[in-house]
């Protein structure tokens, strides 16, 4: 099992986040975070760095572009025991990301409210978070991807039980949940568009 050295946290739902982050720091895990989550962590006295400091590029376009960066996705997607991947990571001064904790802004209940417009929906739609989830889940052999705050106690238990590691069976099940999450998210958007626009003939 790979030991977790670096985690990226970017959560709409902050439930249980501080407790998870505290456990990660107990195991000296470096925490990277986007602005809203970073604020919560810093207010709780938890050491973390901004994703902008990690990538070297500021969040831009009203937050639309922050995690869509090669340093993030290379860190998630790279095969740790592939020599070429190792050399490329070193050449471009990139670092592995071993855990990804992301949850997306809910859409179903929000769309159920009256008079929601496509423009409002797409302003709310999370692109970077969903992309990171897919990258991490694809590489679950090395990356622990957590999309559901209800899983935090399980993650904390495994970290304590395995000295800062998460078991392969758990990573596999978490990846399955992650792909279900992004599939449902995309389906919700597609279903909404289908309701308001005629199908392509």
C-alpha atoms as a PDB file:
ATOM      1  CA  UNK A   1       0.000   0.000   0.000  1.00  0.00           C
ATOM      2  CA  UNK A   2       1.371   3.458  -0.836  1.00  0.00           C
ATOM      3  CA  UNK A   3       1.761   5.791   2.122  1.00  0.00           C
ATOM      4  CA  UNK A   4      -0.143   9.027   1.713  1.00  0.00           C
ATOM      5  CA  UNK A   5       2.253  11.962   1.626  1.00  0.00           C
ATOM      6  CA  UNK A   6       0.137  14.600  -0.123  1.00  0.00           C
ATOM      7  CA  UNK A   7      -3.612  15.224  -0.259  1.00  0.00           C
ATOM      8  CA  UNK A   8      -5.743  17.688  -2.188  1.00  0.00           C
ATOM      9  CA  UNK A   9      -8.957  18.789  -0.472  1.00  0.00           C
ATOM     10  CA  UNK A  10     -11.660  20.769  -2.286  1.00  0.00           C
ATOM     11  CA  UNK A  11     -15.106  20.344  -0.770  1.00  0.00           C
ATOM     12  CA  UNK A  12     -18.488  21.997  -1.221  1.00  0.00           C
ATOM     13  CA  UNK A  13     -19.807  20.087   1.801  1.00  0.00           C
ATOM     14  CA  UNK A  14     -17.416  20.773   4.691  1.00  0.00           C
ATOM     15  CA  UNK A  15     -18.991  18.197   7.033  1.00  0.00           C
ATOM     16  CA  UNK A  16     -16.280  16.277   8.877  1.00  0.00           C
ATOM     17  CA  UNK A  17     -13.565  17.959   6.853  1.00  0.00           C
ATOM     18  CA  UNK A  18     -11.633  19.426   9.772  1.00  0.00           C
ATOM     19  CA  UNK A  19     -11.476  16.093  11.596  1.00  0.00           C
ATOM     20  CA  UNK A  20     -10.204  14.337   8.475  1.00  0.00           C
ATOM     21  CA  UNK A  21      -7.603  17.029   7.865  1.00  0.00           C
ATOM     22  CA  UNK A  22      -6.433  16.833  11.469  1.00  0.00           C
ATOM     23  CA  UNK A  23      -5.861  13.103  11.051  1.00  0.00           C
ATOM     24  CA  UNK A  24      -3.961  13.668   7.822  1.00  0.00           C
ATOM     25  CA  UNK A  25      -1.705  16.168   9.535  1.00  0.00           C
ATOM     26  CA  UNK A  26      -1.059  13.660  12.338  1.00  0.00           C
ATOM     27  CA  UNK A  27       0.558  11.530   9.654  1.00  0.00           C
ATOM     28  CA  UNK A  28       2.472  14.557   8.304  1.00  0.00           C
ATOM     29  CA  UNK A  29       0.468  14.617   5.076  1.00  0.00           C
ATOM     30  CA  UNK A  30       0.913  17.827   3.105  1.00  0.00           C
ATOM     31  CA  UNK A  31      -2.509  19.339   2.394  1.00  0.00           C
ATOM     32  CA  UNK A  32      -3.324  21.352  -0.707  1.00  0.00           C
ATOM     33  CA  UNK A  33      -6.653  23.114  -0.921  1.00  0.00           C
ATOM     34  CA  UNK A  34      -8.825  25.432  -2.973  1.00  0.00           C
ATOM     35  CA  UNK A  35      -9.860  28.782  -1.535  1.00  0.00           C
ATOM     36  CA  UNK A  36     -13.128  28.001   0.274  1.00  0.00           C
ATOM     37  CA  UNK A  37     -11.843  24.790   1.821  1.00  0.00           C
ATOM     38  CA  UNK A  38      -8.498  26.399   2.632  1.00  0.00           C
ATOM     39  CA  UNK A  39     -10.274  29.124   4.606  1.00  0.00           C
ATOM     40  CA  UNK A  40     -12.059  26.524   6.740  1.00  0.00           C
ATOM     41  CA  UNK A  41      -8.826  24.638   7.384  1.00  0.00           C
ATOM     42  CA  UNK A  42      -6.873  27.753   8.319  1.00  0.00           C
ATOM     43  CA  UNK A  43      -9.643  28.913  10.648  1.00  0.00           C
ATOM     44  CA  UNK A  44      -9.339  25.548  12.398  1.00  0.00           C
ATOM     45  CA  UNK A  45      -5.590  26.028  12.722  1.00  0.00           C
ATOM     46  CA  UNK A  46      -4.712  23.311  10.211  1.00  0.00           C
ATOM     47  CA  UNK A  47      -1.635  23.820   8.061  1.00  0.00           C
ATOM     48  CA  UNK A  48      -2.419  23.737   4.332  1.00  0.00           C
ATOM     49  CA  UNK A  49      -1.232  25.436   1.156  1.00  0.00           C
ATOM     50  CA  UNK A  50      -3.342  26.929  -1.596  1.00  0.00           C
ATOM     51  CA  UNK A  51      -3.699  25.191  -4.913  1.00  0.00           C
ATOM     52  CA  UNK A  52      -2.323  28.376  -6.479  1.00  0.00           C
ATOM     53  CA  UNK A  53       0.908  27.971  -4.527  1.00  0.00           C
ATOM     54  CA  UNK A  54       1.052  24.325  -5.600  1.00  0.00           C
ATOM     55  CA  UNK A  55       0.569  25.032  -9.320  1.00  0.00           C
ATOM     56  CA  UNK A  56       2.237  28.445  -9.451  1.00  0.00           C
ATOM     57  CA  UNK A  57      -0.836  29.875 -11.207  1.00  0.00           C
ATOM     58  CA  UNK A  58      -3.529  31.980  -9.476  1.00  0.00           C
ATOM     59  CA  UNK A  59      -7.190  31.019  -9.531  1.00  0.00           C
ATOM     60  CA  UNK A  60      -8.715  32.935 -12.426  1.00  0.00           C
ATOM     61  CA  UNK A  61     -11.889  33.629 -14.379  1.00  0.00           C
ATOM     62  CA  UNK A  62     -14.011  33.928 -11.228  1.00  0.00           C
ATOM     63  CA  UNK A  63     -12.719  30.584  -9.980  1.00  0.00           C
ATOM     64  CA  UNK A  64     -13.514  28.703 -13.189  1.00  0.00           C
ATOM     65  CA  UNK A  65      -9.847  27.820 -13.675  1.00  0.00           C
ATOM     66  CA  UNK A  66      -7.921  26.679 -10.636  1.00  0.00           C
ATOM     67  CA  UNK A  67      -7.458  22.913 -10.576  1.00  0.00           C
ATOM     68  CA  UNK A  68      -7.350  22.309 -14.339  1.00  0.00           C
ATOM     69  CA  UNK A  69      -3.568  22.271 -14.377  1.00  0.00           C
ATOM     70  CA  UNK A  70      -0.933  19.699 -15.453  1.00  0.00           C
ATOM     71  CA  UNK A  71       0.661  19.683 -11.994  1.00  0.00           C
ATOM     72  CA  UNK A  72      -2.638  18.582 -10.501  1.00  0.00           C
ATOM     73  CA  UNK A  73      -3.565  15.964 -13.070  1.00  0.00           C
ATOM     74  CA  UNK A  74      -0.038  14.613 -13.501  1.00  0.00           C
ATOM     75  CA  UNK A  75       0.123  14.267  -9.729  1.00  0.00           C
ATOM     76  CA  UNK A  76      -3.105  12.266  -9.775  1.00  0.00           C
ATOM     77  CA  UNK A  77      -2.641  10.251 -12.978  1.00  0.00           C
ATOM     78  CA  UNK A  78       1.038   9.335 -12.909  1.00  0.00           C
ATOM     79  CA  UNK A  79       1.959   5.676 -12.465  1.00  0.00           C
ATOM     80  CA  UNK A  80       4.302   5.647  -9.505  1.00  0.00           C
ATOM     81  CA  UNK A  81       6.438   2.673 -10.570  1.00  0.00           C
ATOM     82  CA  UNK A  82       6.690   3.705 -14.231  1.00  0.00           C
ATOM     83  CA  UNK A  83      10.233   4.959 -14.864  1.00  0.00           C
ATOM     84  CA  UNK A  84       9.192   7.338 -17.651  1.00  0.00           C
ATOM     85  CA  UNK A  85       6.478   8.861 -15.484  1.00  0.00           C
ATOM     86  CA  UNK A  86       8.954   9.277 -12.645  1.00  0.00           C
ATOM     87  CA  UNK A  87      11.460  11.004 -14.935  1.00  0.00           C
ATOM     88  CA  UNK A  88       8.831  13.339 -16.383  1.00  0.00           C
ATOM     89  CA  UNK A  89       7.582  14.286 -12.928  1.00  0.00           C
ATOM     90  CA  UNK A  90      11.147  15.135 -11.917  1.00  0.00           C
ATOM     91  CA  UNK A  91      11.881  16.996 -15.147  1.00  0.00           C
ATOM     92  CA  UNK A  92       8.875  19.287 -14.718  1.00  0.00           C
ATOM     93  CA  UNK A  93       9.222  19.550 -10.927  1.00  0.00           C
ATOM     94  CA  UNK A  94       5.868  17.940 -10.262  1.00  0.00           C
ATOM     95  CA  UNK A  95       4.748  16.006  -7.190  1.00  0.00           C
ATOM     96  CA  UNK A  96       2.453  13.019  -6.636  1.00  0.00           C
ATOM     97  CA  UNK A  97      -0.973  13.566  -5.103  1.00  0.00           C
ATOM     98  CA  UNK A  98      -1.885  10.478  -3.087  1.00  0.00           C
ATOM     99  CA  UNK A  99      -5.335  11.409  -1.804  1.00  0.00           C
ATOM    100  CA  UNK A 100      -8.117  13.465  -3.336  1.00  0.00           C
ATOM    101  CA  UNK A 101     -11.060  14.610  -1.229  1.00  0.00           C
ATOM    102  CA  UNK A 102     -13.647  16.356  -3.410  1.00  0.00           C
ATOM    103  CA  UNK A 103     -17.395  16.698  -3.260  1.00  0.00           C
ATOM    104  CA  UNK A 104     -19.444  18.577  -5.827  1.00  0.00           C
ATOM    105  CA  UNK A 105     -22.184  21.174  -5.337  1.00  0.00           C
ATOM    106  CA  UNK A 106     -25.515  19.306  -5.408  1.00  0.00           C
ATOM    107  CA  UNK A 107     -27.677  19.929  -8.445  1.00  0.00           C
ATOM    108  CA  UNK A 108     -30.840  17.823  -8.137  1.00  0.00           C
ATOM    109  CA  UNK A 109     -32.493  19.706  -5.269  1.00  0.00           C
ATOM    110  CA  UNK A 110     -31.207  23.020  -6.574  1.00  0.00           C
ATOM    111  CA  UNK A 111     -32.717  22.385 -10.018  1.00  0.00           C
ATOM    112  CA  UNK A 112     -36.022  21.403  -8.422  1.00  0.00           C
ATOM    113  CA  UNK A 113     -36.498  25.014  -7.369  1.00  0.00           C
ATOM    114  CA  UNK A 114     -38.519  27.162  -9.730  1.00  0.00           C
ATOM    115  CA  UNK A 115     -37.190  29.347 -12.526  1.00  0.00           C
ATOM    116  CA  UNK A 116     -33.669  27.951 -12.716  1.00  0.00           C
ATOM    117  CA  UNK A 117     -32.018  28.973 -15.980  1.00  0.00           C
ATOM    118  CA  UNK A 118     -29.301  27.220 -18.025  1.00  0.00           C
ATOM    119  CA  UNK A 119     -26.925  30.101 -17.341  1.00  0.00           C
ATOM    120  CA  UNK A 120     -27.423  29.688 -13.588  1.00  0.00           C
ATOM    121  CA  UNK A 121     -26.897  25.948 -13.865  1.00  0.00           C
ATOM    122  CA  UNK A 122     -23.655  26.236 -15.757  1.00  0.00           C
ATOM    123  CA  UNK A 123     -22.312  28.856 -13.378  1.00  0.00           C
ATOM    124  CA  UNK A 124     -22.931  26.336 -10.600  1.00  0.00           C
ATOM    125  CA  UNK A 125     -21.561  23.320 -12.474  1.00  0.00           C
ATOM    126  CA  UNK A 126     -18.207  22.104 -11.148  1.00  0.00           C
ATOM    127  CA  UNK A 127     -15.807  21.232 -13.962  1.00  0.00           C
ATOM    128  CA  UNK A 128     -12.435  21.094 -12.221  1.00  0.00           C
ATOM    129  CA  UNK A 129     -13.663  18.998  -9.310  1.00  0.00           C
ATOM    130  CA  UNK A 130     -15.296  16.432 -11.584  1.00  0.00           C
ATOM    131  CA  UNK A 131     -12.157  16.259 -13.730  1.00  0.00           C
ATOM    132  CA  UNK A 132      -9.985  15.625 -10.678  1.00  0.00           C
ATOM    133  CA  UNK A 133     -12.348  12.917  -9.445  1.00  0.00           C
ATOM    134  CA  UNK A 134     -12.057  11.097 -12.763  1.00  0.00           C
ATOM    135  CA  UNK A 135      -8.270  11.408 -12.810  1.00  0.00           C
ATOM    136  CA  UNK A 136      -7.862  10.129  -9.281  1.00  0.00           C
ATOM    137  CA  UNK A 137     -10.406   7.328  -9.670  1.00  0.00           C
ATOM    138  CA  UNK A 138      -8.732   6.120 -12.873  1.00  0.00           C
ATOM    139  CA  UNK A 139      -5.485   5.786 -10.918  1.00  0.00           C
ATOM    140  CA  UNK A 140      -6.956   4.267  -7.725  1.00  0.00           C
ATOM    141  CA  UNK A 141      -4.092   1.788  -7.645  1.00  0.00           C
ATOM    142  CA  UNK A 142      -2.124   4.676  -6.155  1.00  0.00           C
ATOM    143  CA  UNK A 143      -4.680   7.371  -5.293  1.00  0.00           C
ATOM    144  CA  UNK A 144      -7.391   7.385  -2.640  1.00  0.00           C
ATOM    145  CA  UNK A 145     -10.411   9.320  -3.946  1.00  0.00           C
ATOM    146  CA  UNK A 146     -13.111  10.350  -1.475  1.00  0.00           C
ATOM    147  CA  UNK A 147     -16.316  11.991  -2.750  1.00  0.00           C
ATOM    148  CA  UNK A 148     -18.619  11.282   0.178  1.00  0.00           C
ATOM    149  CA  UNK A 149     -18.130  12.790   3.668  1.00  0.00           C
ATOM    150  CA  UNK A 150     -19.758   9.683   5.125  1.00  0.00           C
ATOM    151  CA  UNK A 151     -16.563   7.812   4.222  1.00  0.00           C
ATOM    152  CA  UNK A 152     -14.285  10.033   6.330  1.00  0.00           C
ATOM    153  CA  UNK A 153     -14.507   7.869   9.491  1.00  0.00           C
ATOM    154  CA  UNK A 154     -13.532   4.809   7.436  1.00  0.00           C
ATOM    155  CA  UNK A 155     -10.576   6.682   5.950  1.00  0.00           C
ATOM    156  CA  UNK A 156      -9.415   7.875   9.347  1.00  0.00           C
ATOM    157  CA  UNK A 157      -9.706   4.344  10.731  1.00  0.00           C
ATOM    158  CA  UNK A 158      -7.585   2.945   7.899  1.00  0.00           C
ATOM    159  CA  UNK A 159      -4.962   5.633   8.296  1.00  0.00           C
ATOM    160  CA  UNK A 160      -4.559   4.692  11.958  1.00  0.00           C
ATOM    161  CA  UNK A 161      -4.741   0.950  11.274  1.00  0.00           C
ATOM    162  CA  UNK A 162      -2.233   0.996   8.408  1.00  0.00           C
ATOM    163  CA  UNK A 163       0.176   3.729   9.541  1.00  0.00           C
ATOM    164  CA  UNK A 164      -0.887   6.402   7.069  1.00  0.00           C
ATOM    165  CA  UNK A 165      -2.061   4.106   4.270  1.00  0.00           C
ATOM    166  CA  UNK A 166      -5.419   3.142   2.768  1.00  0.00           C
ATOM    167  CA  UNK A 167      -5.945  -0.455   1.651  1.00  0.00           C
ATOM    168  CA  UNK A 168      -6.406  -1.481  -1.983  1.00  0.00           C
ATOM    169  CA  UNK A 169      -9.949  -2.860  -1.482  1.00  0.00           C
ATOM    170  CA  UNK A 170     -11.032   0.432   0.043  1.00  0.00           C
ATOM    171  CA  UNK A 171      -9.402   2.449  -2.740  1.00  0.00           C
ATOM    172  CA  UNK A 172     -11.171   0.256  -5.304  1.00  0.00           C
ATOM    173  CA  UNK A 173     -14.590   0.727  -3.693  1.00  0.00           C
ATOM    174  CA  UNK A 174     -14.001   4.459  -3.368  1.00  0.00           C
ATOM    175  CA  UNK A 175     -13.124   4.665  -7.069  1.00  0.00           C
ATOM    176  CA  UNK A 176     -16.382   2.923  -7.927  1.00  0.00           C
ATOM    177  CA  UNK A 177     -18.283   5.444  -5.838  1.00  0.00           C
ATOM    178  CA  UNK A 178     -16.361   8.282  -7.480  1.00  0.00           C
ATOM    179  CA  UNK A 179     -17.333   7.204 -10.990  1.00  0.00           C
ATOM    180  CA  UNK A 180     -20.962   6.825  -9.920  1.00  0.00           C
ATOM    181  CA  UNK A 181     -20.750  10.352  -8.530  1.00  0.00           C
ATOM    182  CA  UNK A 182     -19.517  11.956 -11.747  1.00  0.00           C
ATOM    183  CA  UNK A 183     -21.898   9.873 -13.876  1.00  0.00           C
ATOM    184  CA  UNK A 184     -24.891  10.992 -11.813  1.00  0.00           C
ATOM    185  CA  UNK A 185     -23.681  14.582 -11.877  1.00  0.00           C
ATOM    186  CA  UNK A 186     -23.431  14.597 -15.678  1.00  0.00           C
ATOM    187  CA  UNK A 187     -26.753  12.771 -16.007  1.00  0.00           C
ATOM    188  CA  UNK A 188     -28.491  15.424 -13.907  1.00  0.00           C
ATOM    189  CA  UNK A 189     -27.213  18.168 -16.213  1.00  0.00           C
ATOM    190  CA  UNK A 190     -28.098  16.231 -19.370  1.00  0.00           C
ATOM    191  CA  UNK A 191     -31.615  15.462 -18.099  1.00  0.00           C
ATOM    192  CA  UNK A 192     -32.197  19.129 -17.348  1.00  0.00           C
ATOM    193  CA  UNK A 193     -31.083  20.184 -20.820  1.00  0.00           C
ATOM    194  CA  UNK A 194     -33.275  17.499 -22.347  1.00  0.00           C
ATOM    195  CA  UNK A 195     -36.290  18.932 -20.528  1.00  0.00           C
ATOM    196  CA  UNK A 196     -35.751  22.454 -21.786  1.00  0.00           C
ATOM    197  CA  UNK A 197     -34.499  21.737 -25.319  1.00  0.00           C
ATOM    198  CA  UNK A 198     -35.889  19.438 -28.009  1.00  0.00           C
ATOM    199  CA  UNK A 199     -33.703  16.398 -28.799  1.00  0.00           C
ATOM    200  CA  UNK A 200     -31.388  16.415 -31.791  1.00  0.00           C
ATOM    201  CA  UNK A 201     -33.025  14.671 -34.735  1.00  0.00           C
END
